[in-house]
Amino acid sequence: MPEVGPHPELAAVLAEATARRRGRNGLPRGASVRLIGDDRQLSAIGAGGVLRDLRRVHGAVELDEVLRFVNNGEKAASLALRQGDPTALGWYLDHDRIHAGSSDTALDGALQAWKADTDHGPNSLMLASTRLDVAELNRRARQVLAGKDGLGVRLSDGNLAGVGDVIVTRRNDRRLRTSTTGFVMNGDRWIVQAVNRNGGLLVRHRTTGHRAWLPAAYVVDHTELGYATTIHTAQGSTVDTAHTVLSGTETRQLLYVAMTRGRQANHSYVTTVGHGDPHSAFTPETLRPRDSTTGVDCVA
């Protein structure tokens, strides 16, 4: 039996039932199960809150130093944002990290900033809270990339992808192997290296360098362009710079995740109505929302 290494899924996004199942399956076989994650980030779609429950009942070891960011001011701002402190936005506003405008202005602003970063080398990613905005960002990104034309294989988001494009896989499939223990997973980002005549793709993983063949049926149903992705999908990712399109109504958890993906810089492009003042882009309810998942945690 091949050795099973640490599972990369963040414990914060595990539903309670999934966490219990992982423990029941692993512990009797001598496995060591360690749940690691941030309970202030996005939780599971189903009944979640497992990290909060464990910390409250049994206690937990907590990290006390932020290592991701290059800028010390951004480290402090991220911790304040994590707590839902509205004063956290002051740092982002003072350092021109929040940009306000119309919907089209927000999309174009994120795209142009991402393109500028990409042209100069940093690993950059665009984010959005809705799949509609993600698909539009990806469509525009492919258009502005040098050498990209209308040719390619149709993906599940309606966009095209060809050699050199970045895509993201949206479904786990253990039949699609990347190594003796690895397989294609939801949220993985890949670079397309070849397209076969049936519409299948040879792809290389952006992080590990492992390769996989994605059959045409999988490509059509479970892949999207990967220049932009949803905030939920990006949780757990680390890049150099991140540019996020927001409506201004996102929860604090969404905003916290979005503004902490980039080591060097994190920017948000907020759709506003009226005078377009970035200081009015977020409301107190955004940072301290009445989160429906709290009720789910209690009754599940």
Protein backbone atom coordinates (compact mmCIF):
# COMPACT_ATOMS: atom_id res chain seq x y z
CA MET A 1 0.00 0.00 0.00
CA PRO A 2 1.51 3.40 -0.96
CA GLU A 3 2.36 5.85 1.77
CA VAL A 4 -0.30 8.50 2.34
CA GLY A 5 1.08 11.94 3.07
CA PRO A 6 -0.55 14.95 4.71
CA HIS A 7 -3.90 15.83 3.19
CA PRO A 8 -3.81 19.38 1.76
CA GLU A 9 -7.43 20.29 2.53
CA LEU A 10 -7.86 23.01 5.15
CA ALA A 11 -9.75 21.81 8.21
CA ALA A 12 -11.80 25.00 8.28
CA VAL A 13 -13.65 23.98 5.12
CA LEU A 14 -14.45 20.47 6.30
CA ALA A 15 -18.06 19.79 7.17
CA GLU A 16 -18.46 18.25 10.63
CA ALA A 17 -19.56 14.90 9.19
CA THR A 18 -16.49 14.80 6.93
CA ALA A 19 -14.13 15.59 9.80
CA ARG A 20 -15.66 12.81 11.90
CA ARG A 21 -15.35 10.35 9.01
CA ARG A 22 -11.69 11.23 8.48
CA GLY A 23 -10.99 10.56 12.14
CA ARG A 24 -12.90 7.27 12.24
CA ASN A 25 -11.10 6.00 9.14
CA GLY A 26 -7.61 7.09 10.11
CA LEU A 27 -7.19 6.68 13.86
CA PRO A 28 -7.89 2.91 14.08
CA ARG A 29 -5.23 2.37 11.41
CA GLY A 30 -2.56 4.20 13.37
CA ALA A 31 -2.84 7.49 11.52
CA SER A 32 -2.11 10.79 13.21
CA VAL A 33 -4.89 13.26 12.45
CA ARG A 34 -4.11 16.97 12.86
CA LEU A 35 -6.73 19.56 11.95
CA ILE A 36 -5.05 22.78 10.82
CA GLY A 37 -6.83 25.88 9.62
CA ASP A 38 -8.16 29.35 10.38
CA ASP A 39 -11.60 29.44 11.98
CA ARG A 40 -12.11 33.04 10.81
CA GLN A 41 -11.93 32.04 7.15
CA LEU A 42 -14.69 30.46 5.09
CA SER A 43 -16.23 27.34 6.58
CA ALA A 44 -17.86 24.31 5.02
CA ILE A 45 -21.02 24.55 2.92
CA GLY A 46 -22.68 22.02 5.23
CA ALA A 47 -22.64 22.00 9.01
CA GLY A 48 -19.20 23.30 9.90
CA GLY A 49 -17.46 25.20 12.65
CA VAL A 50 -15.45 22.14 13.66
CA LEU A 51 -12.35 24.20 14.46
CA ARG A 52 -14.29 26.64 16.63
CA ASP A 53 -15.91 23.75 18.49
CA LEU A 54 -12.62 21.95 19.09
CA ARG A 55 -10.90 25.09 20.33
CA ARG A 56 -13.79 25.94 22.66
CA VAL A 57 -14.10 22.43 24.15
CA HIS A 58 -10.56 21.06 24.06
CA GLY A 59 -8.31 24.03 23.42
CA ALA A 60 -5.87 24.41 20.55
CA VAL A 61 -2.38 25.58 19.71
CA GLU A 62 -2.58 28.95 17.96
CA LEU A 63 0.05 30.64 15.80
CA ASP A 64 0.91 34.14 16.97
CA GLU A 65 3.03 35.45 14.08
CA VAL A 66 2.02 36.31 10.51
CA LEU A 67 4.67 35.18 8.03
CA ARG A 68 2.97 35.52 4.64
CA PHE A 69 3.20 39.25 3.96
CA VAL A 70 6.21 41.30 2.89
CA ASN A 71 4.74 44.52 4.32
CA ASN A 72 4.60 44.72 8.11
CA GLY A 73 1.68 47.13 7.95
CA GLU A 74 -0.29 44.61 5.92
CA LYS A 75 0.40 41.97 8.56
CA ALA A 76 -1.24 44.13 11.22
CA ALA A 77 -4.11 45.11 8.93
CA SER A 78 -4.85 41.48 8.10
CA LEU A 79 -5.11 40.59 11.80
CA ALA A 80 -7.52 43.47 12.40
CA LEU A 81 -9.56 42.40 9.38
CA ARG A 82 -9.59 38.85 10.75
CA GLN A 83 -11.25 40.14 13.91
CA GLY A 84 -13.82 42.17 11.95
CA ASP A 85 -12.37 45.48 13.15
CA PRO A 86 -13.63 48.24 10.78
CA THR A 87 -10.47 50.28 11.41
CA ALA A 88 -8.59 47.63 9.42
CA LEU A 89 -9.90 49.23 6.24
CA GLY A 90 -8.00 52.41 7.07
CA TRP A 91 -4.66 50.83 6.18
CA TYR A 92 -5.95 49.49 2.87
CA LEU A 93 -7.50 52.86 1.97
CA ASP A 94 -4.38 54.81 2.96
CA HIS A 95 -2.22 52.53 0.80
CA ASP A 96 -4.51 52.63 -2.25
CA ARG A 97 -5.51 48.98 -1.98
CA ILE A 98 -9.27 49.66 -2.34
CA HIS A 99 -10.55 50.98 -5.67
CA ALA A 100 -14.17 51.97 -6.28
CA GLY A 101 -16.15 52.39 -9.49
CA SER A 102 -18.80 50.93 -11.74
CA SER A 103 -19.06 47.20 -12.36
CA ASP A 104 -17.19 47.45 -15.65
CA THR A 105 -14.58 49.74 -14.10
CA ALA A 106 -13.99 47.24 -11.30
CA LEU A 107 -13.57 44.35 -13.74
CA ASP A 108 -11.25 46.34 -15.99
CA GLY A 109 -9.24 47.68 -13.05
CA ALA A 110 -8.57 44.21 -11.69
CA LEU A 111 -7.69 42.93 -15.17
CA GLN A 112 -5.24 45.73 -15.99
CA ALA A 113 -3.50 45.49 -12.61
CA TRP A 114 -3.24 41.70 -12.92
CA LYS A 115 -1.85 42.05 -16.46
CA ALA A 116 0.76 44.59 -15.32
CA ASP A 117 1.89 42.28 -12.52
CA THR A 118 1.96 39.24 -14.79
CA ASP A 119 4.06 41.09 -17.39
CA HIS A 120 6.68 41.89 -14.74
CA GLY A 121 6.97 38.40 -13.29
CA PRO A 122 4.95 38.11 -10.07
CA ASN A 123 2.56 35.19 -9.71
CA SER A 124 -0.74 37.06 -9.72
CA LEU A 125 -4.35 35.92 -9.40
CA MET A 126 -7.72 37.59 -9.93
CA LEU A 127 -10.61 36.76 -7.60
CA ALA A 128 -14.33 37.46 -7.47
CA SER A 129 -17.20 36.45 -5.22
CA THR A 130 -19.46 35.30 -8.07
CA ARG A 131 -18.90 32.75 -10.84
CA LEU A 132 -20.33 35.22 -13.35
CA ASP A 133 -17.60 37.77 -12.59
CA VAL A 134 -14.95 35.04 -12.56
CA ALA A 135 -15.99 33.84 -16.03
CA GLU A 136 -15.93 37.40 -17.36
CA LEU A 137 -12.49 38.11 -15.87
CA ASN A 138 -11.17 34.91 -17.42
CA ARG A 139 -12.66 35.79 -20.80
CA ARG A 140 -11.06 39.23 -20.76
CA ALA A 141 -7.74 37.85 -19.52
CA ARG A 142 -7.46 35.43 -22.41
CA GLN A 143 -8.22 38.24 -24.84
CA VAL A 144 -5.43 40.48 -23.58
CA LEU A 145 -2.77 37.77 -23.42
CA ALA A 146 -0.33 38.01 -26.30
CA GLY A 147 -0.78 35.40 -29.00
CA LYS A 148 -4.21 34.21 -27.88
CA ASP A 149 -6.84 33.83 -30.58
CA GLY A 150 -10.31 32.32 -30.76
CA LEU A 151 -9.05 28.74 -31.11
CA GLY A 152 -9.24 26.27 -28.26
CA VAL A 153 -11.26 23.67 -26.41
CA ARG A 154 -14.54 24.73 -24.80
CA LEU A 155 -14.49 24.53 -20.98
CA SER A 156 -17.36 24.25 -18.49
CA ASP A 157 -17.42 28.03 -17.91
CA GLY A 158 -18.02 28.67 -21.61
CA ASN A 159 -14.50 29.97 -22.21
CA LEU A 160 -11.89 28.50 -24.55
CA ALA A 161 -8.47 27.12 -23.58
CA GLY A 162 -5.46 26.19 -25.69
CA VAL A 163 -1.75 25.54 -25.26
CA GLY A 164 -0.25 27.92 -22.70
CA ASP A 165 -3.53 28.77 -21.00
CA VAL A 166 -4.00 28.38 -17.26
CA ILE A 167 -7.00 26.28 -16.22
CA VAL A 168 -8.45 25.11 -12.92
CA THR A 169 -9.97 21.69 -12.30
CA ARG A 170 -13.29 21.69 -10.46
CA ARG A 171 -13.78 18.06 -9.43
CA ASN A 172 -11.69 15.45 -7.63
CA ASP A 173 -11.01 12.41 -9.81
CA ARG A 174 -8.78 9.67 -8.40
CA ARG A 175 -8.69 7.96 -11.79
CA LEU A 176 -6.70 10.87 -13.23
CA ARG A 177 -3.31 10.21 -11.66
CA THR A 178 -0.49 12.73 -11.33
CA SER A 179 1.88 10.46 -9.37
CA THR A 180 1.76 7.20 -7.41
CA THR A 181 -0.26 8.91 -4.68
CA GLY A 182 -1.50 12.08 -6.36
CA PHE A 183 -4.56 12.72 -8.50
CA VAL A 184 -6.45 15.60 -10.09
CA MET A 185 -8.21 17.64 -7.41
CA ASN A 186 -10.80 20.38 -7.21
CA GLY A 187 -9.15 23.80 -7.18
CA ASP A 188 -5.83 22.72 -8.72
CA ARG A 189 -4.37 25.13 -11.28
CA TRP A 190 -2.65 23.82 -14.42
CA ILE A 191 -0.91 25.02 -17.57
CA VAL A 192 -2.15 23.44 -20.80
CA GLN A 193 0.73 21.81 -22.67
CA ALA A 194 -1.07 19.97 -25.46
CA VAL A 195 -4.54 19.45 -26.92
CA ASN A 196 -5.45 16.17 -28.60
CA ARG A 197 -7.87 15.81 -31.49
CA ASN A 198 -10.64 14.57 -29.19
CA GLY A 199 -10.52 17.67 -26.98
CA GLY A 200 -8.48 16.16 -24.15
CA LEU A 201 -5.75 18.21 -22.49
CA LEU A 202 -2.22 17.44 -21.31
CA VAL A 203 -1.69 19.72 -18.33
CA ARG A 204 1.15 20.54 -15.92
CA HIS A 205 0.42 21.46 -12.31
CA ARG A 206 1.37 25.07 -11.49
CA THR A 207 2.89 24.15 -8.13
CA THR A 208 4.17 20.57 -8.25
CA GLY A 209 5.01 20.31 -11.93
CA HIS A 210 3.22 16.96 -12.14
CA ARG A 211 1.41 16.19 -15.38
CA ALA A 212 -1.96 14.65 -16.15
CA TRP A 213 -4.13 13.87 -19.16
CA LEU A 214 -7.64 15.27 -18.80
CA PRO A 215 -10.13 13.43 -21.05
CA ALA A 216 -12.49 15.50 -23.18
CA ALA A 217 -15.55 14.64 -21.07
CA TYR A 218 -13.81 15.89 -17.91
CA VAL A 219 -12.61 19.04 -19.68
CA VAL A 220 -16.10 19.96 -20.88
CA ASP A 221 -17.77 19.36 -17.52
CA HIS A 222 -15.18 20.15 -14.85
CA THR A 223 -12.58 22.70 -16.00
CA GLU A 224 -12.50 26.48 -16.17
CA LEU A 225 -9.94 29.08 -17.16
CA GLY A 226 -7.69 29.76 -14.18
CA TYR A 227 -6.57 33.38 -14.47
CA ALA A 228 -9.40 34.25 -12.10
CA THR A 229 -11.22 32.12 -9.57
CA THR A 230 -13.81 32.43 -6.83
CA ILE A 231 -12.72 33.50 -3.37
CA HIS A 232 -13.92 30.15 -2.02
CA THR A 233 -11.70 28.26 -4.46
CA ALA A 234 -8.70 30.48 -3.68
CA GLN A 235 -8.81 29.78 0.05
CA GLY A 236 -5.56 28.01 0.86
CA SER A 237 -3.75 29.52 -2.13
CA THR A 238 -0.75 31.83 -1.87
CA VAL A 239 0.38 34.11 -4.71
CA ASP A 240 2.54 37.23 -5.00
CA THR A 241 -0.33 39.61 -5.75
CA ALA A 242 -4.12 39.26 -5.69
CA HIS A 243 -6.74 41.48 -7.33
CA THR A 244 -10.34 40.93 -6.22
CA VAL A 245 -13.60 42.22 -7.71
CA LEU A 246 -16.19 42.81 -4.97
CA SER A 247 -19.75 44.05 -4.79
CA GLY A 248 -19.28 45.61 -1.33
CA THR A 249 -21.81 43.25 0.26
CA GLU A 250 -19.44 40.34 0.90
CA THR A 251 -19.12 38.97 4.42
CA ARG A 252 -16.07 39.61 6.55
CA GLN A 253 -14.96 36.00 6.00
CA LEU A 254 -14.96 36.49 2.22
CA LEU A 255 -13.15 39.81 2.48
CA TYR A 256 -10.57 38.38 4.89
CA VAL A 257 -9.75 35.49 2.57
CA ALA A 258 -9.65 37.72 -0.51
CA MET A 259 -7.31 40.28 1.05
CA THR A 260 -4.81 37.73 2.38
CA ARG A 261 -3.89 35.66 -0.69
CA GLY A 262 -0.98 37.81 -1.88
CA ARG A 263 2.45 38.02 -0.27
CA GLN A 264 3.39 41.37 -1.79
CA ALA A 265 0.05 43.12 -2.27
CA ASN A 266 -3.72 42.59 -2.13
CA HIS A 267 -6.14 44.91 -3.94
CA SER A 268 -9.94 45.05 -4.07
CA TYR A 269 -12.01 46.64 -6.84
CA VAL A 270 -15.43 47.44 -5.45
CA THR A 271 -18.60 48.14 -7.41
CA THR A 272 -20.26 51.24 -5.98
CA VAL A 273 -23.27 53.38 -6.84
CA GLY A 274 -23.29 57.13 -6.42
CA HIS A 275 -20.12 59.17 -5.99
CA GLY A 276 -17.68 56.23 -6.04
CA ASP A 277 -15.87 57.13 -2.80
CA PRO A 278 -13.84 54.05 -1.75
CA HIS A 279 -14.38 55.02 1.92
CA SER A 280 -18.07 54.13 1.51
CA ALA A 281 -17.44 50.85 -0.29
CA PHE A 282 -17.93 48.73 2.83
CA THR A 283 -20.49 48.97 5.62
CA PRO A 284 -20.22 47.81 9.27
CA GLU A 285 -22.50 44.89 8.36
CA THR A 286 -19.86 43.72 5.90
CA LEU A 287 -17.25 43.24 8.60
CA ARG A 288 -19.60 42.03 11.33
CA PRO A 289 -22.36 40.24 9.41
CA ARG A 290 -25.17 38.14 10.75
CA ASP A 291 -23.67 34.97 9.35
CA SER A 292 -26.22 32.21 8.70
CA THR A 293 -23.55 29.55 9.15
CA THR A 294 -23.58 30.28 12.88
CA GLY A 295 -27.10 28.87 13.05
CA VAL A 296 -26.10 25.85 10.99
CA ASP A 297 -23.26 25.12 13.42
CA CYS A 298 -25.65 25.19 16.37
CA VAL A 299 -28.40 22.94 15.02
CA ALA A 300 -26.34 20.36 13.09
